[in-house]
Protein backbone atom coordinates (compact mmCIF):
# COMPACT_ATOMS: atom_id res chain seq x y z
CA MET A 1 79.87 65.76 -161.43
CA LYS A 2 78.83 69.32 -160.66
CA LYS A 3 80.23 70.97 -157.57
CA PRO A 4 77.78 72.01 -154.89
CA LEU A 5 77.08 75.63 -154.08
CA ILE A 6 77.56 77.46 -150.86
CA ALA A 7 75.88 80.78 -150.05
CA VAL A 8 78.46 83.55 -149.49
CA VAL A 9 76.34 85.14 -146.82
CA ALA A 10 75.09 82.40 -144.47
CA ALA A 11 73.80 84.15 -141.36
CA LEU A 12 73.24 82.27 -138.13
CA SER A 13 69.63 82.06 -137.00
CA VAL A 14 67.85 81.36 -133.75
CA TRP A 15 65.06 78.81 -134.21
CA THR A 16 62.14 80.10 -132.25
CA GLY A 17 59.41 79.82 -134.86
CA ALA A 18 57.75 77.03 -136.82
CA ALA A 19 60.04 74.68 -138.63
CA GLN A 20 60.41 71.12 -139.80
CA ALA A 21 63.02 69.82 -137.38
CA GLY A 22 65.52 67.12 -138.29
CA ALA A 23 68.55 65.72 -136.46
CA LEU A 24 71.01 67.48 -138.76
CA VAL A 25 69.11 70.51 -140.08
CA ASP A 26 65.91 72.47 -139.55
CA VAL A 27 63.85 73.79 -142.47
CA ALA A 28 61.46 76.75 -142.25
CA VAL A 29 59.33 78.35 -144.97
CA ILE A 30 59.53 82.15 -144.61
CA ASN A 31 56.87 84.65 -145.63
CA ARG A 32 59.13 87.29 -147.14
CA ALA A 33 56.57 90.07 -146.75
CA THR A 34 56.62 89.73 -142.99
CA GLY A 35 59.85 87.85 -142.35
CA GLU A 36 57.93 85.34 -140.25
CA ARG A 37 58.06 81.59 -140.43
CA ILE A 38 54.93 80.07 -141.89
CA PRO A 39 53.39 77.70 -139.32
CA VAL A 40 53.86 73.98 -139.91
CA TYR A 41 50.86 71.72 -139.40
CA ALA A 42 51.31 67.97 -138.75
CA HIS A 43 48.78 65.62 -140.31
CA ARG A 44 49.03 61.86 -140.53
CA GLY A 45 52.76 61.89 -140.23
CA ARG A 46 53.29 64.65 -142.77
CA ALA A 47 54.20 68.34 -142.41
CA TYR A 48 52.17 71.05 -144.24
CA VAL A 49 52.44 74.82 -144.59
CA PRO A 50 49.72 77.11 -146.02
CA GLY A 51 50.74 79.45 -148.82
CA THR A 52 49.14 82.64 -150.06
CA PRO A 53 48.80 83.16 -153.83
CA SER A 54 51.21 85.87 -155.16
CA ALA A 55 53.25 85.85 -151.93
CA LYS A 56 57.00 85.46 -152.10
CA TYR A 57 58.61 82.89 -149.82
CA SER A 58 62.03 81.47 -149.08
CA LEU A 59 63.49 78.31 -147.52
CA LEU A 60 65.65 78.85 -144.43
CA ILE A 61 67.84 75.83 -143.74
CA SER A 62 69.88 75.72 -140.51
CA ASN A 63 72.74 73.38 -139.76
CA LYS A 64 72.39 71.95 -136.22
CA THR A 65 75.83 70.31 -136.23
CA GLY A 66 79.41 71.32 -135.71
CA GLU A 67 80.40 69.97 -139.13
CA ARG A 68 79.67 71.10 -142.68
CA VAL A 69 76.62 69.51 -144.39
CA LEU A 70 75.31 69.56 -147.90
CA ALA A 71 71.58 70.40 -148.39
CA VAL A 72 70.15 69.43 -151.79
CA ALA A 73 66.87 71.35 -152.00
CA SER A 74 63.95 70.75 -154.34
CA VAL A 75 60.63 72.54 -154.87
CA ASP A 76 57.81 70.88 -156.85
CA GLY A 77 60.20 68.04 -157.72
CA ILE A 78 62.72 70.41 -159.29
CA ASN A 79 66.31 71.15 -158.08
CA VAL A 80 66.39 74.79 -156.95
CA ILE A 81 69.90 75.32 -158.33
CA THR A 82 70.02 73.49 -161.66
CA GLY A 83 66.30 73.41 -162.62
CA GLU A 84 66.61 69.69 -163.33
CA THR A 85 64.11 67.08 -162.23
CA ALA A 86 65.40 66.56 -158.72
CA THR A 87 67.47 63.68 -157.37
CA PRO A 88 69.56 63.70 -154.16
CA ALA A 89 72.77 63.25 -156.17
CA GLN A 90 72.53 66.78 -157.66
CA SER A 91 74.08 70.09 -156.59
CA GLY A 92 73.09 71.69 -153.32
CA TYR A 93 74.02 74.32 -150.75
CA VAL A 94 76.91 73.66 -148.33
CA LEU A 95 76.25 74.96 -144.79
CA ASP A 96 79.09 75.79 -142.45
CA PRO A 97 78.98 74.36 -138.90
CA TRP A 98 75.98 75.92 -137.09
CA GLY A 99 75.38 78.09 -140.15
CA SER A 100 72.21 78.68 -142.22
CA VAL A 101 71.23 79.67 -145.70
CA ASP A 102 68.15 81.50 -146.93
CA ILE A 103 67.15 80.18 -150.39
CA ALA A 104 64.90 82.79 -152.00
CA GLY A 105 64.43 81.38 -155.47
CA TRP A 106 65.49 79.37 -158.49
CA ARG A 107 69.19 80.02 -159.11
CA LYS A 108 69.80 81.72 -162.46
CA SER A 109 73.49 82.60 -162.06
CA MET A 110 76.11 83.02 -159.33
CA GLY A 111 74.62 86.38 -158.59
CA GLU A 112 70.85 86.04 -159.18
CA VAL A 113 67.79 83.93 -158.41
CA ALA A 114 64.22 84.03 -159.75
CA ALA A 115 62.02 84.49 -156.68
CA PHE A 116 59.92 81.69 -155.23
CA VAL A 117 56.28 82.89 -155.36
CA PHE A 118 53.09 80.97 -154.57
CA THR A 119 50.98 80.81 -157.64
CA PRO A 120 48.13 78.79 -159.17
CA LEU A 121 49.34 75.48 -160.51
CA PRO A 122 49.11 76.40 -164.25
CA ASP A 123 51.50 79.35 -163.66
CA SER A 124 54.01 77.33 -161.61
CA TYR A 125 57.53 76.83 -162.87
CA ALA A 126 56.95 73.09 -162.88
CA ALA A 127 53.81 73.32 -165.05
CA ARG A 128 55.49 75.82 -167.41
CA THR A 129 58.35 73.39 -167.92
CA ASP A 130 55.95 70.45 -168.50
CA ARG A 131 56.56 68.79 -165.09
CA PRO A 132 53.37 69.42 -163.09
CA GLY A 133 53.25 65.99 -161.46
CA ASN A 134 54.96 66.91 -158.14
CA VAL A 135 53.67 70.41 -157.51
CA GLY A 136 53.05 71.19 -153.83
CA VAL A 137 56.12 69.65 -152.10
CA ILE A 138 59.46 70.92 -150.77
CA GLY A 139 62.30 68.51 -150.11
CA VAL A 140 65.75 68.77 -148.50
CA ALA A 141 68.21 65.88 -148.75
CA VAL A 142 71.09 66.25 -146.28
CA PHE A 143 74.54 64.76 -146.62
CA ARG A 144 77.35 64.58 -144.11
CA GLU A 145 80.88 65.30 -145.26
CA VAL A 146 83.69 62.80 -145.37
CA GLN A 147 85.95 63.51 -142.43
CA ALA A 148 89.76 63.27 -142.53
CA PRO A 149 91.05 60.16 -140.70
CA ARG A 150 92.12 60.83 -137.19
CA PRO A 151 95.76 60.18 -136.23
CA PRO A 152 96.37 56.81 -134.51
CA ALA A 153 96.17 56.78 -130.72
CA VAL A 154 99.51 57.19 -128.95
CA LEU A 155 100.10 54.41 -126.43
CA GLN A 156 101.36 55.42 -123.04
CA GLN A 157 102.91 53.45 -120.24
CA PRO A 158 100.39 51.54 -118.16
CA PHE A 159 98.91 53.51 -115.26
CA SER A 160 97.37 51.64 -112.31
CA GLY A 161 97.33 48.44 -114.33
CA ALA A 162 95.40 49.89 -117.31
CA ASP A 163 96.10 51.79 -120.53
CA ARG A 164 95.22 55.44 -120.36
CA ARG A 165 93.22 56.72 -123.37
CA GLU A 166 92.03 60.14 -124.40
CA SER A 167 88.36 60.58 -125.34
CA GLU A 168 86.61 63.27 -127.49
CA ALA A 169 83.28 64.91 -127.00
CA ARG A 170 81.73 65.73 -129.98
CA SER A 171 36.14 73.60 -143.95
CA SER A 172 36.45 75.90 -146.79
CA LYS A 173 35.64 75.73 -150.48
CA PRO A 174 38.64 74.13 -152.20
CA GLU A 175 40.69 76.43 -154.40
CA GLU A 176 42.93 75.64 -157.27
CA LYS A 177 46.04 73.78 -156.15
CA LEU A 178 48.98 76.00 -155.30
CA GLY A 179 52.40 75.81 -156.93
CA THR A 180 55.65 77.81 -156.99
CA GLY A 181 56.23 80.31 -159.76
CA HIS A 182 59.38 81.62 -161.43
CA GLY A 183 59.31 85.15 -160.10
CA GLU A 184 61.29 88.32 -160.74
CA ARG A 185 65.13 88.25 -160.74
CA GLU A 186 66.82 89.19 -157.46
CA ALA A 187 70.44 89.53 -156.35
CA SER A 188 71.74 86.49 -154.54
CA GLU A 189 75.49 85.84 -154.40
CA ALA A 190 76.97 82.36 -154.23
CA ARG A 191 80.29 80.68 -154.91
CA TRP A 192 81.51 77.16 -155.72
CA THR A 193 83.10 74.97 -153.06
CA GLN A 194 84.32 71.40 -152.74
CA PHE A 195 82.30 68.86 -150.75
CA ARG A 196 82.92 65.11 -150.58
CA ARG A 197 79.82 63.24 -149.49
CA ALA A 198 80.18 60.65 -146.79
CA GLY A 199 77.74 58.35 -148.61
CA GLU A 200 75.54 58.06 -151.72
CA ARG A 201 72.35 58.08 -149.68
CA PRO A 202 71.16 61.14 -147.75
CA ALA A 203 71.82 61.05 -144.03
CA GLU A 204 68.46 62.79 -143.61
CA LEU A 205 65.50 63.71 -145.77
CA LEU A 206 63.02 66.41 -144.77
CA VAL A 207 59.73 66.90 -146.67
CA ILE A 208 57.19 69.74 -146.37
CA TYR A 209 53.92 69.79 -148.37
CA TYR A 210 52.10 73.03 -149.15
CA ASP A 211 48.84 74.31 -150.58
CA SER A 212 46.52 77.25 -150.03
CA ARG A 213 45.06 77.66 -146.57
CA ALA A 214 41.58 77.08 -147.91
CA ASN A 215 42.57 73.80 -149.48
CA LEU A 216 44.35 72.65 -146.32
CA ILE A 217 41.30 73.49 -144.24
CA ALA A 218 39.06 71.65 -146.73
CA ARG A 219 41.28 68.57 -146.39
CA GLY A 220 41.13 68.70 -142.62
CA ILE A 221 44.85 69.52 -142.19
CA ILE A 222 44.31 72.92 -140.70
CA PRO A 223 41.59 73.13 -138.04
CA GLY A 224 38.80 75.32 -139.29
CA ALA A 225 35.16 76.02 -138.69
CA ALA A 226 33.12 72.83 -139.01
CA ARG A 227 31.03 72.69 -142.18
CA ALA A 228 27.37 73.11 -141.33
CA GLU A 229 25.17 70.17 -142.34
CA PRO A 230 21.99 70.89 -144.33
CA ASN A 231 19.03 71.68 -142.07
CA PRO A 232 15.77 69.97 -143.02
CA PHE A 233 13.77 72.64 -141.07
CA PRO A 234 15.66 75.87 -141.53
CA GLY A 235 12.65 77.98 -140.53
CA PHE A 236 12.15 76.25 -137.17
CA ARG A 237 11.80 78.60 -134.21
CA PHE A 238 9.42 79.38 -131.40
CA ALA A 239 6.55 81.74 -132.02
CA PRO A 240 7.67 85.40 -131.75
CA ASP A 241 5.80 88.09 -129.86
CA PRO A 242 3.44 90.29 -131.94
CA ARG A 243 4.52 93.82 -132.86
CA GLY A 244 3.27 96.63 -130.71
């Protein structure tokens, strides 16, 4: 089994912008041109973000717990590290307690990624590798780590007739569907680390769908100007005053 990856530089982040919030991690899609989080729109129980063709983006994943977690990330149904058709059992990024990682592209080596860039579906990495069936979705499967067993409790002499125990706190015209391209190479350092999963199934699964803003408006996901219905009497008006 392949070892998971951990980003060498995993900066802490303050979550004040739009994100898909989970119990273990938060996931935000970042517009790399502005550094801002792309707004998340909720629609019928799903989360959506609008993408701009040719714009680079990244996935910012933040660990909300005091323990390490493993985040297996996929874009368009493809593992962002290995390029394989994604399953939760594959390699992912390990986040330190309260840490975060900014995933800027498809990993090409321990020192480089190919940038994530919004692109028309035919130019997407998925379509160009003959896997266009799941274009338009981002997924993060989160795993807890196996914890070392705690030492047995030490029994003390009864106090006031009871054992004493210690406790721990712990409407627009639809455009072509948008996909994610295999952009230019960029520096991105990573290293291998060991991580033993607490279970075979993810403890949490976060999903974000994306498409162009025009398409999301056309589908009623992003509020937009209502589409005008055809007018059977477009020339109707009251009589105007004569000139002069």
